[in-house]
């Protein structure tokens, strides 16, 4: 008992003069509360989300899942098989890449249109989209790969796409070939006319 009293006295000597907190001030100050959004802010937010949804023509409806070990391939009429084969084997350098690994499907759906449109606007032709590949037919990476095959075919700018070779990402990556823009076609015609003299 004497030991306990002695320890209490030592403790008080170390701490010094202490005043208890007032009962209403015994919590940390979290700062001012953020005001709730106004009706106008909520309306603007809703309008922006609706505009984004309207601008994105890619469907997130049901998609038939591709088997995880089957390559994907698509080409529009008029595109030679040799072009697709060269694309598959990395015969065209990747002028731009989009990495969609471990991203939610909604983010991927949102990221793809600006990537394709910007590449087309800058006259890029060969793109590599890295998306991953699942081991099971319903794994998240394979779901994305299945949607990607559906989405890429919906772009007018896309002439062909095909699963990459192992060195470029294998079934977890897709090569995309864009058509030439009008500006690039006009420059090409001009070069050919100069050559003919």
C-alpha atoms as a PDB file:
ATOM      1  CA  UNK A   1       0.000   0.000   0.000  1.00  0.00           C
ATOM      2  CA  UNK A   2       2.831   2.370   0.907  1.00  0.00           C
ATOM      3  CA  UNK A   3       4.447   1.521  -2.429  1.00  0.00           C
ATOM      4  CA  UNK A   4       1.286   2.568  -4.312  1.00  0.00           C
ATOM      5  CA  UNK A   5       1.065   5.899  -2.464  1.00  0.00           C
ATOM      6  CA  UNK A   6       4.722   6.569  -3.151  1.00  0.00           C
ATOM      7  CA  UNK A   7       4.191   5.870  -6.889  1.00  0.00           C
ATOM      8  CA  UNK A   8       1.179   8.221  -6.961  1.00  0.00           C
ATOM      9  CA  UNK A   9       3.251  11.009  -5.433  1.00  0.00           C
ATOM     10  CA  UNK A  10       6.056  10.401  -7.962  1.00  0.00           C
ATOM     11  CA  UNK A  11       3.558  10.465 -10.801  1.00  0.00           C
ATOM     12  CA  UNK A  12       2.035  13.767  -9.614  1.00  0.00           C
ATOM     13  CA  UNK A  13       5.501  15.265  -9.237  1.00  0.00           C
ATOM     14  CA  UNK A  14       6.346  14.313 -12.831  1.00  0.00           C
ATOM     15  CA  UNK A  15       3.072  15.517 -14.326  1.00  0.00           C
ATOM     16  CA  UNK A  16       2.817  18.745 -12.376  1.00  0.00           C
ATOM     17  CA  UNK A  17      -0.316  20.815 -12.075  1.00  0.00           C
ATOM     18  CA  UNK A  18      -3.070  19.140 -14.143  1.00  0.00           C
ATOM     19  CA  UNK A  19      -6.556  20.462 -14.804  1.00  0.00           C
ATOM     20  CA  UNK A  20      -9.348  18.177 -15.941  1.00  0.00           C
ATOM     21  CA  UNK A  21     -10.877  18.848 -19.354  1.00  0.00           C
ATOM     22  CA  UNK A  22     -14.251  20.505 -19.482  1.00  0.00           C
ATOM     23  CA  UNK A  23     -16.918  17.951 -20.295  1.00  0.00           C
ATOM     24  CA  UNK A  24     -17.948  19.664 -23.578  1.00  0.00           C
ATOM     25  CA  UNK A  25     -14.341  20.031 -24.782  1.00  0.00           C
ATOM     26  CA  UNK A  26     -13.132  16.473 -24.352  1.00  0.00           C
ATOM     27  CA  UNK A  27     -13.063  15.740 -28.116  1.00  0.00           C
ATOM     28  CA  UNK A  28     -10.778  16.724 -30.944  1.00  0.00           C
ATOM     29  CA  UNK A  29     -12.046  19.508 -33.174  1.00  0.00           C
ATOM     30  CA  UNK A  30     -12.869  17.913 -36.554  1.00  0.00           C
ATOM     31  CA  UNK A  31     -13.106  21.335 -38.192  1.00  0.00           C
ATOM     32  CA  UNK A  32     -16.071  22.785 -39.962  1.00  0.00           C
ATOM     33  CA  UNK A  33     -18.503  20.385 -41.500  1.00  0.00           C
ATOM     34  CA  UNK A  34     -18.620  20.459 -45.270  1.00  0.00           C
ATOM     35  CA  UNK A  35     -21.904  21.919 -46.421  1.00  0.00           C
ATOM     36  CA  UNK A  36     -24.235  19.620 -48.283  1.00  0.00           C
ATOM     37  CA  UNK A  37     -24.306  20.197 -52.066  1.00  0.00           C
ATOM     38  CA  UNK A  38     -26.877  22.702 -53.196  1.00  0.00           C
ATOM     39  CA  UNK A  39     -29.694  21.767 -55.548  1.00  0.00           C
ATOM     40  CA  UNK A  40     -27.859  23.527 -58.394  1.00  0.00           C
ATOM     41  CA  UNK A  41     -24.662  21.564 -57.712  1.00  0.00           C
ATOM     42  CA  UNK A  42     -26.587  18.294 -57.645  1.00  0.00           C
ATOM     43  CA  UNK A  43     -28.321  19.189 -60.915  1.00  0.00           C
ATOM     44  CA  UNK A  44     -24.986  20.060 -62.585  1.00  0.00           C
ATOM     45  CA  UNK A  45     -23.443  16.798 -61.359  1.00  0.00           C
ATOM     46  CA  UNK A  46     -26.386  14.789 -62.659  1.00  0.00           C
ATOM     47  CA  UNK A  47     -26.240  16.593 -66.008  1.00  0.00           C
ATOM     48  CA  UNK A  48     -22.506  15.917 -66.358  1.00  0.00           C
ATOM     49  CA  UNK A  49     -22.968  12.224 -65.600  1.00  0.00           C
ATOM     50  CA  UNK A  50     -25.817  11.978 -68.102  1.00  0.00           C
ATOM     51  CA  UNK A  51     -23.676  13.702 -70.748  1.00  0.00           C
ATOM     52  CA  UNK A  52     -20.801  11.274 -70.120  1.00  0.00           C
ATOM     53  CA  UNK A  53     -23.165   8.338 -70.437  1.00  0.00           C
ATOM     54  CA  UNK A  54     -24.671   9.773 -73.628  1.00  0.00           C
ATOM     55  CA  UNK A  55     -21.254  10.412 -75.213  1.00  0.00           C
ATOM     56  CA  UNK A  56     -20.072   6.891 -74.464  1.00  0.00           C
ATOM     57  CA  UNK A  57     -21.696   4.695 -77.072  1.00  0.00           C
ATOM     58  CA  UNK A  58     -20.021   1.508 -75.814  1.00  0.00           C
ATOM     59  CA  UNK A  59     -22.524  -0.969 -74.490  1.00  0.00           C
ATOM     60  CA  UNK A  60     -22.100  -2.517 -71.064  1.00  0.00           C
ATOM     61  CA  UNK A  61     -24.964  -4.942 -71.708  1.00  0.00           C
ATOM     62  CA  UNK A  62     -24.530  -8.703 -71.632  1.00  0.00           C
ATOM     63  CA  UNK A  63     -21.458 -10.031 -73.420  1.00  0.00           C
ATOM     64  CA  UNK A  64     -20.686 -13.597 -74.416  1.00  0.00           C
ATOM     65  CA  UNK A  65     -17.535 -14.531 -72.473  1.00  0.00           C
ATOM     66  CA  UNK A  66     -14.638 -15.611 -74.654  1.00  0.00           C
ATOM     67  CA  UNK A  67     -12.790 -18.757 -73.621  1.00  0.00           C
ATOM     68  CA  UNK A  68      -9.634 -17.669 -71.729  1.00  0.00           C
ATOM     69  CA  UNK A  69      -7.195 -19.393 -74.090  1.00  0.00           C
ATOM     70  CA  UNK A  70      -8.793 -18.427 -77.423  1.00  0.00           C
ATOM     71  CA  UNK A  71      -7.184 -15.523 -79.291  1.00  0.00           C
ATOM     72  CA  UNK A  72      -9.405 -12.716 -80.544  1.00  0.00           C
ATOM     73  CA  UNK A  73      -9.361 -11.468 -84.119  1.00  0.00           C
ATOM     74  CA  UNK A  74     -11.445  -8.985 -86.082  1.00  0.00           C
ATOM     75  CA  UNK A  75     -11.022  -7.298 -89.454  1.00  0.00           C
ATOM     76  CA  UNK A  76     -13.318  -5.168 -91.509  1.00  0.00           C
ATOM     77  CA  UNK A  77     -14.148  -6.007 -95.111  1.00  0.00           C
ATOM     78  CA  UNK A  78     -11.347  -4.937 -97.418  1.00  0.00           C
ATOM     79  CA  UNK A  79      -8.551  -5.478 -94.874  1.00  0.00           C
ATOM     80  CA  UNK A  80      -6.132  -8.106 -96.132  1.00  0.00           C
ATOM     81  CA  UNK A  81      -5.272 -11.104 -93.990  1.00  0.00           C
ATOM     82  CA  UNK A  82      -1.577 -10.255 -94.452  1.00  0.00           C
ATOM     83  CA  UNK A  83      -2.130  -6.952 -92.615  1.00  0.00           C
ATOM     84  CA  UNK A  84      -3.774  -8.788 -89.716  1.00  0.00           C
ATOM     85  CA  UNK A  85      -0.968 -11.367 -89.605  1.00  0.00           C
ATOM     86  CA  UNK A  86       1.668  -8.632 -89.572  1.00  0.00           C
ATOM     87  CA  UNK A  87      -0.267  -6.841 -86.821  1.00  0.00           C
ATOM     88  CA  UNK A  88      -0.456 -10.050 -84.757  1.00  0.00           C
ATOM     89  CA  UNK A  89       3.308 -10.586 -84.979  1.00  0.00           C
ATOM     90  CA  UNK A  90       4.114  -7.027 -83.896  1.00  0.00           C
ATOM     91  CA  UNK A  91       5.108  -5.994 -87.416  1.00  0.00           C
ATOM     92  CA  UNK A  92       3.873  -2.483 -86.735  1.00  0.00           C
ATOM     93  CA  UNK A  93       5.425  -0.595 -83.809  1.00  0.00           C
ATOM     94  CA  UNK A  94       3.104   0.343 -80.946  1.00  0.00           C
ATOM     95  CA  UNK A  95       2.551   4.060 -81.440  1.00  0.00           C
ATOM     96  CA  UNK A  96       0.500   4.272 -78.248  1.00  0.00           C
ATOM     97  CA  UNK A  97      -0.477   1.956 -75.387  1.00  0.00           C
ATOM     98  CA  UNK A  98      -3.432   1.789 -73.055  1.00  0.00           C
ATOM     99  CA  UNK A  99      -3.056  -0.183 -69.815  1.00  0.00           C
ATOM    100  CA  UNK A 100      -6.326  -1.451 -68.384  1.00  0.00           C
ATOM    101  CA  UNK A 101      -4.925  -4.052 -65.990  1.00  0.00           C
ATOM    102  CA  UNK A 102      -6.764  -4.303 -62.667  1.00  0.00           C
ATOM    103  CA  UNK A 103      -9.119  -1.440 -63.502  1.00  0.00           C
ATOM    104  CA  UNK A 104     -12.880  -1.689 -63.006  1.00  0.00           C
ATOM    105  CA  UNK A 105     -14.938  -2.325 -66.120  1.00  0.00           C
ATOM    106  CA  UNK A 106     -16.615   1.095 -65.874  1.00  0.00           C
ATOM    107  CA  UNK A 107     -13.191   2.816 -65.860  1.00  0.00           C
ATOM    108  CA  UNK A 108     -12.109   0.789 -68.887  1.00  0.00           C
ATOM    109  CA  UNK A 109     -15.324   1.671 -70.718  1.00  0.00           C
ATOM    110  CA  UNK A 110     -14.688   5.336 -69.918  1.00  0.00           C
ATOM    111  CA  UNK A 111     -10.973   5.257 -70.901  1.00  0.00           C
ATOM    112  CA  UNK A 112     -11.257   3.505 -74.278  1.00  0.00           C
ATOM    113  CA  UNK A 113     -13.147   6.103 -76.411  1.00  0.00           C
ATOM    114  CA  UNK A 114     -10.825   9.047 -75.677  1.00  0.00           C
ATOM    115  CA  UNK A 115      -7.797   6.808 -76.267  1.00  0.00           C
ATOM    116  CA  UNK A 116      -9.053   5.657 -79.685  1.00  0.00           C
ATOM    117  CA  UNK A 117     -10.299   9.096 -80.737  1.00  0.00           C
ATOM    118  CA  UNK A 118      -7.115  10.883 -79.671  1.00  0.00           C
ATOM    119  CA  UNK A 119      -4.905   8.323 -81.413  1.00  0.00           C
ATOM    120  CA  UNK A 120      -6.959   8.722 -84.592  1.00  0.00           C
ATOM    121  CA  UNK A 121      -6.805  12.524 -84.353  1.00  0.00           C
ATOM    122  CA  UNK A 122      -2.994  12.303 -84.156  1.00  0.00           C
ATOM    123  CA  UNK A 123      -2.785   9.927 -87.158  1.00  0.00           C
ATOM    124  CA  UNK A 124      -1.599   6.972 -85.081  1.00  0.00           C
ATOM    125  CA  UNK A 125      -2.330   3.622 -86.692  1.00  0.00           C
ATOM    126  CA  UNK A 126      -1.083   0.783 -84.460  1.00  0.00           C
ATOM    127  CA  UNK A 127      -2.043   0.661 -80.801  1.00  0.00           C
ATOM    128  CA  UNK A 128      -1.529  -1.886 -78.050  1.00  0.00           C
ATOM    129  CA  UNK A 129      -4.180  -2.334 -75.367  1.00  0.00           C
ATOM    130  CA  UNK A 130      -2.968  -4.294 -72.332  1.00  0.00           C
ATOM    131  CA  UNK A 131      -5.915  -5.795 -70.466  1.00  0.00           C
ATOM    132  CA  UNK A 132      -4.803  -9.047 -68.872  1.00  0.00           C
ATOM    133  CA  UNK A 133      -6.238 -12.511 -69.236  1.00  0.00           C
ATOM    134  CA  UNK A 134      -7.903 -14.653 -66.656  1.00  0.00           C
ATOM    135  CA  UNK A 135      -7.404 -18.383 -66.193  1.00  0.00           C
ATOM    136  CA  UNK A 136     -11.124 -19.048 -65.789  1.00  0.00           C
ATOM    137  CA  UNK A 137     -13.840 -18.114 -68.267  1.00  0.00           C
ATOM    138  CA  UNK A 138     -15.553 -15.777 -65.773  1.00  0.00           C
ATOM    139  CA  UNK A 139     -12.462 -14.209 -64.200  1.00  0.00           C
ATOM    140  CA  UNK A 140     -12.430 -10.367 -64.204  1.00  0.00           C
ATOM    141  CA  UNK A 141      -9.600 -10.081 -66.765  1.00  0.00           C
ATOM    142  CA  UNK A 142     -11.421 -12.365 -69.177  1.00  0.00           C
ATOM    143  CA  UNK A 143     -14.638 -10.381 -68.726  1.00  0.00           C
ATOM    144  CA  UNK A 144     -12.726  -7.244 -69.725  1.00  0.00           C
ATOM    145  CA  UNK A 145     -11.145  -9.053 -72.698  1.00  0.00           C
ATOM    146  CA  UNK A 146     -14.605 -10.169 -73.829  1.00  0.00           C
ATOM    147  CA  UNK A 147     -16.019  -6.646 -73.556  1.00  0.00           C
ATOM    148  CA  UNK A 148     -12.960  -5.210 -75.282  1.00  0.00           C
ATOM    149  CA  UNK A 149     -13.539  -7.471 -78.292  1.00  0.00           C
ATOM    150  CA  UNK A 150     -17.134  -6.227 -78.419  1.00  0.00           C
ATOM    151  CA  UNK A 151     -16.234  -2.551 -77.894  1.00  0.00           C
ATOM    152  CA  UNK A 152     -13.372  -2.296 -80.388  1.00  0.00           C
ATOM    153  CA  UNK A 153     -15.627  -3.524 -83.200  1.00  0.00           C
ATOM    154  CA  UNK A 154     -18.022  -0.621 -82.440  1.00  0.00           C
ATOM    155  CA  UNK A 155     -15.437   2.047 -83.358  1.00  0.00           C
ATOM    156  CA  UNK A 156     -15.552   3.230 -86.978  1.00  0.00           C
ATOM    157  CA  UNK A 157     -11.860   4.114 -86.681  1.00  0.00           C
ATOM    158  CA  UNK A 158     -10.843   0.512 -85.915  1.00  0.00           C
ATOM    159  CA  UNK A 159      -9.957  -1.514 -89.016  1.00  0.00           C
ATOM    160  CA  UNK A 160      -8.703  -4.630 -87.257  1.00  0.00           C
ATOM    161  CA  UNK A 161      -7.640  -6.025 -83.900  1.00  0.00           C
ATOM    162  CA  UNK A 162      -5.968  -9.235 -82.872  1.00  0.00           C
ATOM    163  CA  UNK A 163      -4.483 -10.881 -79.762  1.00  0.00           C
ATOM    164  CA  UNK A 164      -0.783 -10.167 -79.361  1.00  0.00           C
ATOM    165  CA  UNK A 165       2.065 -12.665 -79.459  1.00  0.00           C
ATOM    166  CA  UNK A 166       3.687 -13.768 -76.188  1.00  0.00           C
ATOM    167  CA  UNK A 167       6.497 -11.187 -76.472  1.00  0.00           C
ATOM    168  CA  UNK A 168       3.936  -8.349 -76.547  1.00  0.00           C
ATOM    169  CA  UNK A 169       1.659  -9.635 -73.781  1.00  0.00           C
ATOM    170  CA  UNK A 170       0.084 -12.711 -75.342  1.00  0.00           C
ATOM    171  CA  UNK A 171      -3.647 -13.140 -74.819  1.00  0.00           C
ATOM    172  CA  UNK A 172      -3.481 -10.395 -72.171  1.00  0.00           C
ATOM    173  CA  UNK A 173      -2.884  -7.720 -74.832  1.00  0.00           C
ATOM    174  CA  UNK A 174      -4.568  -6.765 -78.093  1.00  0.00           C
ATOM    175  CA  UNK A 175      -3.078  -5.034 -81.129  1.00  0.00           C
ATOM    176  CA  UNK A 176      -5.420  -2.496 -82.722  1.00  0.00           C
ATOM    177  CA  UNK A 177      -5.068  -1.088 -86.254  1.00  0.00           C
ATOM    178  CA  UNK A 178      -6.808   2.228 -86.937  1.00  0.00           C
ATOM    179  CA  UNK A 179      -7.775   3.435 -90.384  1.00  0.00           C
ATOM    180  CA  UNK A 180      -6.007   6.405 -91.910  1.00  0.00           C
ATOM    181  CA  UNK A 181      -7.558   9.786 -91.252  1.00  0.00           C
ATOM    182  CA  UNK A 182      -8.655  11.939 -94.205  1.00  0.00           C
ATOM    183  CA  UNK A 183      -5.629  14.161 -93.624  1.00  0.00           C
ATOM    184  CA  UNK A 184      -3.237  11.185 -93.749  1.00  0.00           C
ATOM    185  CA  UNK A 185      -4.923   9.861 -96.903  1.00  0.00           C
ATOM    186  CA  UNK A 186      -4.601  13.247 -98.611  1.00  0.00           C
ATOM    187  CA  UNK A 187      -0.883  13.407 -97.690  1.00  0.00           C
ATOM    188  CA  UNK A 188      -0.413   9.865 -99.001  1.00  0.00           C
ATOM    189  CA  UNK A 189      -2.106  10.742-102.325  1.00  0.00           C
ATOM    190  CA  UNK A 190       0.067  13.845-102.595  1.00  0.00           C
ATOM    191  CA  UNK A 191       3.259  11.815-102.053  1.00  0.00           C
ATOM    192  CA  UNK A 192       2.203   9.270-104.664  1.00  0.00           C
ATOM    193  CA  UNK A 193       1.434  11.999-107.209  1.00  0.00           C
ATOM    194  CA  UNK A 194       4.880  13.590-106.642  1.00  0.00           C
ATOM    195  CA  UNK A 195       6.551  10.208-107.205  1.00  0.00           C
ATOM    196  CA  UNK A 196       4.720   9.718-110.497  1.00  0.00           C
ATOM    197  CA  UNK A 197       5.852  13.208-111.518  1.00  0.00           C
END
